[in-house]
Amino acid sequence: MSTHETPLPSVLFVCVHNAGRSQMAAGLLDYHAAGRVEVRSAGSAPGEAVNPSAVAVMADLGIDIGGESPRRLGDADVRAADVVVTMGCGDACPVFPGKRYLDWNVSDPAGLPPEAVRPIRDEIDRRVLLLLAELLAAA
């Protein structure tokens, strides 16, 4: 039996401000994957802080993203990812051969109250679960 472990699949979620959609997606995938997938998120023009409504609706599910901070997207982030998911924001992402790119056209939760963000979270969660099933089946 080999002692070499297969590296975990890696997913990068990208949106412009890295404050709402990409943070929720990363939190949901990290929660559902339970250590079976490496998860990152970043943005091309990071905001000051994670959207408070996104934090609130994730807390509804017992997922804490309140300690996260928006991060600037770099080439290294894309190079390290197996799958790059842009969050319907038209974000320009560096393109590298051998990467899988997905664009999830999901509404922007910026400025919305939690009751309007819950359906966005639920749509992201549905997509995250499908992606996770694909990643685990391929592993």
C-alpha atoms as a PDB file:
ATOM      1  CA  MET A   1       0.000   0.000   0.000  1.00  0.00           C
ATOM      2  CA  SER A   2       1.335   3.411  -0.964  1.00  0.00           C
ATOM      3  CA  THR A   3       1.937   6.013   1.719  1.00  0.00           C
ATOM      4  CA  HIS A   4       1.464   8.786  -0.867  1.00  0.00           C
ATOM      5  CA  GLU A   5      -1.945  10.403  -0.513  1.00  0.00           C
ATOM      6  CA  THR A   6      -3.832  11.861  -3.452  1.00  0.00           C
ATOM      7  CA  PRO A   7      -3.976  15.650  -3.146  1.00  0.00           C
ATOM      8  CA  LEU A   8      -7.357  17.115  -2.332  1.00  0.00           C
ATOM      9  CA  PRO A   9      -9.325  18.716  -5.148  1.00  0.00           C
ATOM     10  CA  SER A  10      -9.053  22.503  -4.911  1.00  0.00           C
ATOM     11  CA  VAL A  11     -11.816  25.020  -5.658  1.00  0.00           C
ATOM     12  CA  LEU A  12     -11.475  28.796  -5.945  1.00  0.00           C
ATOM     13  CA  PHE A  13     -14.589  30.998  -5.784  1.00  0.00           C
ATOM     14  CA  VAL A  14     -14.198  34.452  -7.339  1.00  0.00           C
ATOM     15  CA  CYS A  15     -16.376  37.565  -7.315  1.00  0.00           C
ATOM     16  CA  VAL A  16     -15.389  41.212  -7.598  1.00  0.00           C
ATOM     17  CA  HIS A  17     -15.557  42.222  -3.926  1.00  0.00           C
ATOM     18  CA  ASN A  18     -15.115  38.756  -2.324  1.00  0.00           C
ATOM     19  CA  ALA A  19     -17.622  39.921   0.271  1.00  0.00           C
ATOM     20  CA  GLY A  20     -20.850  38.015  -0.448  1.00  0.00           C
ATOM     21  CA  ARG A  21     -21.365  35.294  -3.044  1.00  0.00           C
ATOM     22  CA  SER A  22     -17.834  33.914  -3.091  1.00  0.00           C
ATOM     23  CA  GLN A  23     -17.606  33.977   0.708  1.00  0.00           C
ATOM     24  CA  MET A  24     -20.925  32.123   1.062  1.00  0.00           C
ATOM     25  CA  ALA A  25     -19.880  29.582  -1.592  1.00  0.00           C
ATOM     26  CA  ALA A  26     -16.536  28.962   0.116  1.00  0.00           C
ATOM     27  CA  GLY A  27     -18.200  28.596   3.521  1.00  0.00           C
ATOM     28  CA  LEU A  28     -20.807  26.188   2.170  1.00  0.00           C
ATOM     29  CA  LEU A  29     -18.310  24.019   0.292  1.00  0.00           C
ATOM     30  CA  ASP A  30     -15.943  23.934   3.245  1.00  0.00           C
ATOM     31  CA  TYR A  31     -18.835  22.897   5.514  1.00  0.00           C
ATOM     32  CA  HIS A  32     -20.225  20.186   3.217  1.00  0.00           C
ATOM     33  CA  ALA A  33     -16.825  18.847   2.118  1.00  0.00           C
ATOM     34  CA  ALA A  34     -15.699  18.352   5.726  1.00  0.00           C
ATOM     35  CA  GLY A  35     -12.009  18.456   4.835  1.00  0.00           C
ATOM     36  CA  ARG A  36     -12.289  16.542   1.545  1.00  0.00           C
ATOM     37  CA  VAL A  37     -11.802  19.631  -0.670  1.00  0.00           C
ATOM     38  CA  GLU A  38      -9.421  22.584  -0.407  1.00  0.00           C
ATOM     39  CA  VAL A  39     -11.483  25.784  -0.624  1.00  0.00           C
ATOM     40  CA  ARG A  40     -10.458  29.393  -1.311  1.00  0.00           C
ATOM     41  CA  SER A  41     -12.161  32.614  -2.333  1.00  0.00           C
ATOM     42  CA  ALA A  42     -10.862  35.909  -3.679  1.00  0.00           C
ATOM     43  CA  GLY A  43     -11.890  39.031  -5.587  1.00  0.00           C
ATOM     44  CA  SER A  44     -10.414  41.397  -8.136  1.00  0.00           C
ATOM     45  CA  ALA A  45     -11.414  44.476  -6.096  1.00  0.00           C
ATOM     46  CA  PRO A  46     -11.867  43.176  -2.531  1.00  0.00           C
ATOM     47  CA  GLY A  47     -14.349  44.976  -0.314  1.00  0.00           C
ATOM     48  CA  GLU A  48     -13.681  46.225   3.195  1.00  0.00           C
ATOM     49  CA  ALA A  49     -15.513  43.400   4.967  1.00  0.00           C
ATOM     50  CA  VAL A  50     -17.799  40.439   4.393  1.00  0.00           C
ATOM     51  CA  ASN A  51     -21.420  41.460   3.759  1.00  0.00           C
ATOM     52  CA  PRO A  52     -23.263  41.410   7.131  1.00  0.00           C
ATOM     53  CA  SER A  53     -26.378  39.887   5.524  1.00  0.00           C
ATOM     54  CA  ALA A  54     -24.231  37.067   4.098  1.00  0.00           C
ATOM     55  CA  VAL A  55     -22.769  36.485   7.560  1.00  0.00           C
ATOM     56  CA  ALA A  56     -26.285  36.412   9.060  1.00  0.00           C
ATOM     57  CA  VAL A  57     -27.788  33.939   6.578  1.00  0.00           C
ATOM     58  CA  MET A  58     -24.801  31.620   6.875  1.00  0.00           C
ATOM     59  CA  ALA A  59     -25.137  31.736  10.671  1.00  0.00           C
ATOM     60  CA  ASP A  60     -28.716  30.462  10.152  1.00  0.00           C
ATOM     61  CA  LEU A  61     -27.051  27.227   8.968  1.00  0.00           C
ATOM     62  CA  GLY A  62     -24.463  27.183  11.737  1.00  0.00           C
ATOM     63  CA  ILE A  63     -21.672  28.302   9.386  1.00  0.00           C
ATOM     64  CA  ASP A  64     -19.550  31.221  10.626  1.00  0.00           C
ATOM     65  CA  ILE A  65     -18.009  33.366   7.875  1.00  0.00           C
ATOM     66  CA  GLY A  66     -17.867  36.459  10.100  1.00  0.00           C
ATOM     67  CA  GLY A  67     -14.148  36.032  10.704  1.00  0.00           C
ATOM     68  CA  GLU A  68     -13.324  35.960   6.994  1.00  0.00           C
ATOM     69  CA  SER A  69     -11.799  38.914   5.157  1.00  0.00           C
ATOM     70  CA  PRO A  70     -12.069  39.771   1.472  1.00  0.00           C
ATOM     71  CA  ARG A  71      -8.837  38.837  -0.346  1.00  0.00           C
ATOM     72  CA  ARG A  72      -7.317  40.065  -3.610  1.00  0.00           C
ATOM     73  CA  LEU A  73      -7.256  37.514  -6.439  1.00  0.00           C
ATOM     74  CA  GLY A  74      -3.773  36.574  -7.618  1.00  0.00           C
ATOM     75  CA  ASP A  75      -2.389  34.319 -10.329  1.00  0.00           C
ATOM     76  CA  ALA A  76      -1.169  31.919  -7.625  1.00  0.00           C
ATOM     77  CA  ASP A  77      -4.771  31.422  -6.444  1.00  0.00           C
ATOM     78  CA  VAL A  78      -5.824  30.335  -9.922  1.00  0.00           C
ATOM     79  CA  ARG A  79      -2.731  28.178 -10.459  1.00  0.00           C
ATOM     80  CA  ALA A  80      -3.444  26.295  -7.215  1.00  0.00           C
ATOM     81  CA  ALA A  81      -7.091  25.571  -8.073  1.00  0.00           C
ATOM     82  CA  ASP A  82      -8.476  22.616  -9.999  1.00  0.00           C
ATOM     83  CA  VAL A  83     -11.821  24.375 -10.420  1.00  0.00           C
ATOM     84  CA  VAL A  84     -12.341  28.153 -10.653  1.00  0.00           C
ATOM     85  CA  VAL A  85     -15.918  29.327 -10.098  1.00  0.00           C
ATOM     86  CA  THR A  86     -16.782  32.914 -10.962  1.00  0.00           C
ATOM     87  CA  MET A  87     -19.961  34.136  -9.346  1.00  0.00           C
ATOM     88  CA  GLY A  88     -21.831  35.776 -12.236  1.00  0.00           C
ATOM     89  CA  CYS A  89     -20.066  39.078 -11.819  1.00  0.00           C
ATOM     90  CA  GLY A  90     -18.151  39.232 -15.088  1.00  0.00           C
ATOM     91  CA  ASP A  91     -14.869  39.048 -13.191  1.00  0.00           C
ATOM     92  CA  ALA A  92     -11.791  38.710 -15.367  1.00  0.00           C
ATOM     93  CA  CYS A  93      -9.852  35.715 -14.143  1.00  0.00           C
ATOM     94  CA  PRO A  94      -6.424  34.599 -15.316  1.00  0.00           C
ATOM     95  CA  VAL A  95      -6.867  31.545 -17.535  1.00  0.00           C
ATOM     96  CA  PHE A  96      -4.459  28.644 -17.251  1.00  0.00           C
ATOM     97  CA  PRO A  97      -4.547  25.396 -19.239  1.00  0.00           C
ATOM     98  CA  GLY A  98      -5.846  22.353 -17.411  1.00  0.00           C
ATOM     99  CA  LYS A  99      -8.169  24.285 -15.104  1.00  0.00           C
ATOM    100  CA  ARG A 100     -11.912  23.864 -15.073  1.00  0.00           C
ATOM    101  CA  TYR A 101     -13.801  27.164 -15.193  1.00  0.00           C
ATOM    102  CA  LEU A 102     -17.453  27.567 -14.184  1.00  0.00           C
ATOM    103  CA  ASP A 103     -19.538  30.735 -14.139  1.00  0.00           C
ATOM    104  CA  TRP A 104     -22.446  30.712 -11.717  1.00  0.00           C
ATOM    105  CA  ASN A 105     -24.822  33.537 -12.581  1.00  0.00           C
ATOM    106  CA  VAL A 106     -26.030  34.270  -9.063  1.00  0.00           C
ATOM    107  CA  SER A 107     -27.617  37.529  -7.857  1.00  0.00           C
ATOM    108  CA  ASP A 108     -25.414  39.937  -5.926  1.00  0.00           C
ATOM    109  CA  PRO A 109     -26.436  40.188  -2.245  1.00  0.00           C
ATOM    110  CA  ALA A 110     -24.781  43.607  -1.776  1.00  0.00           C
ATOM    111  CA  GLY A 111     -27.056  45.985   0.103  1.00  0.00           C
ATOM    112  CA  LEU A 112     -29.825  43.407   0.551  1.00  0.00           C
ATOM    113  CA  PRO A 113     -31.394  42.444   3.885  1.00  0.00           C
ATOM    114  CA  PRO A 114     -30.997  38.851   5.130  1.00  0.00           C
ATOM    115  CA  GLU A 115     -34.496  37.812   3.968  1.00  0.00           C
ATOM    116  CA  ALA A 116     -33.501  38.699   0.382  1.00  0.00           C
ATOM    117  CA  VAL A 117     -30.098  36.993   0.704  1.00  0.00           C
ATOM    118  CA  ARG A 118     -31.451  33.612   1.898  1.00  0.00           C
ATOM    119  CA  PRO A 119     -32.671  32.563  -1.592  1.00  0.00           C
ATOM    120  CA  ILE A 120     -29.256  33.544  -3.015  1.00  0.00           C
ATOM    121  CA  ARG A 121     -27.532  31.446  -0.345  1.00  0.00           C
ATOM    122  CA  ASP A 122     -29.851  28.531  -1.099  1.00  0.00           C
ATOM    123  CA  GLU A 123     -29.094  28.710  -4.835  1.00  0.00           C
ATOM    124  CA  ILE A 124     -25.355  28.778  -4.129  1.00  0.00           C
ATOM    125  CA  ASP A 125     -25.785  25.844  -1.738  1.00  0.00           C
ATOM    126  CA  ARG A 126     -27.603  23.818  -4.416  1.00  0.00           C
ATOM    127  CA  ARG A 127     -24.758  24.426  -6.874  1.00  0.00           C
ATOM    128  CA  VAL A 128     -22.085  23.721  -4.245  1.00  0.00           C
ATOM    129  CA  LEU A 129     -23.645  20.340  -3.449  1.00  0.00           C
ATOM    130  CA  LEU A 130     -23.682  19.376  -7.151  1.00  0.00           C
ATOM    131  CA  LEU A 131     -20.040  20.443  -7.563  1.00  0.00           C
ATOM    132  CA  LEU A 132     -19.034  18.552  -4.427  1.00  0.00           C
ATOM    133  CA  ALA A 133     -20.731  15.383  -5.683  1.00  0.00           C
ATOM    134  CA  GLU A 134     -18.810  15.681  -8.985  1.00  0.00           C
ATOM    135  CA  LEU A 135     -15.484  16.277  -7.210  1.00  0.00           C
ATOM    136  CA  LEU A 136     -15.914  13.359  -4.838  1.00  0.00           C
ATOM    137  CA  ALA A 137     -17.019  11.009  -7.635  1.00  0.00           C
ATOM    138  CA  ALA A 138     -13.880  11.917  -9.600  1.00  0.00           C
ATOM    139  CA  ALA A 139     -11.550  11.498  -6.600  1.00  0.00           C
END
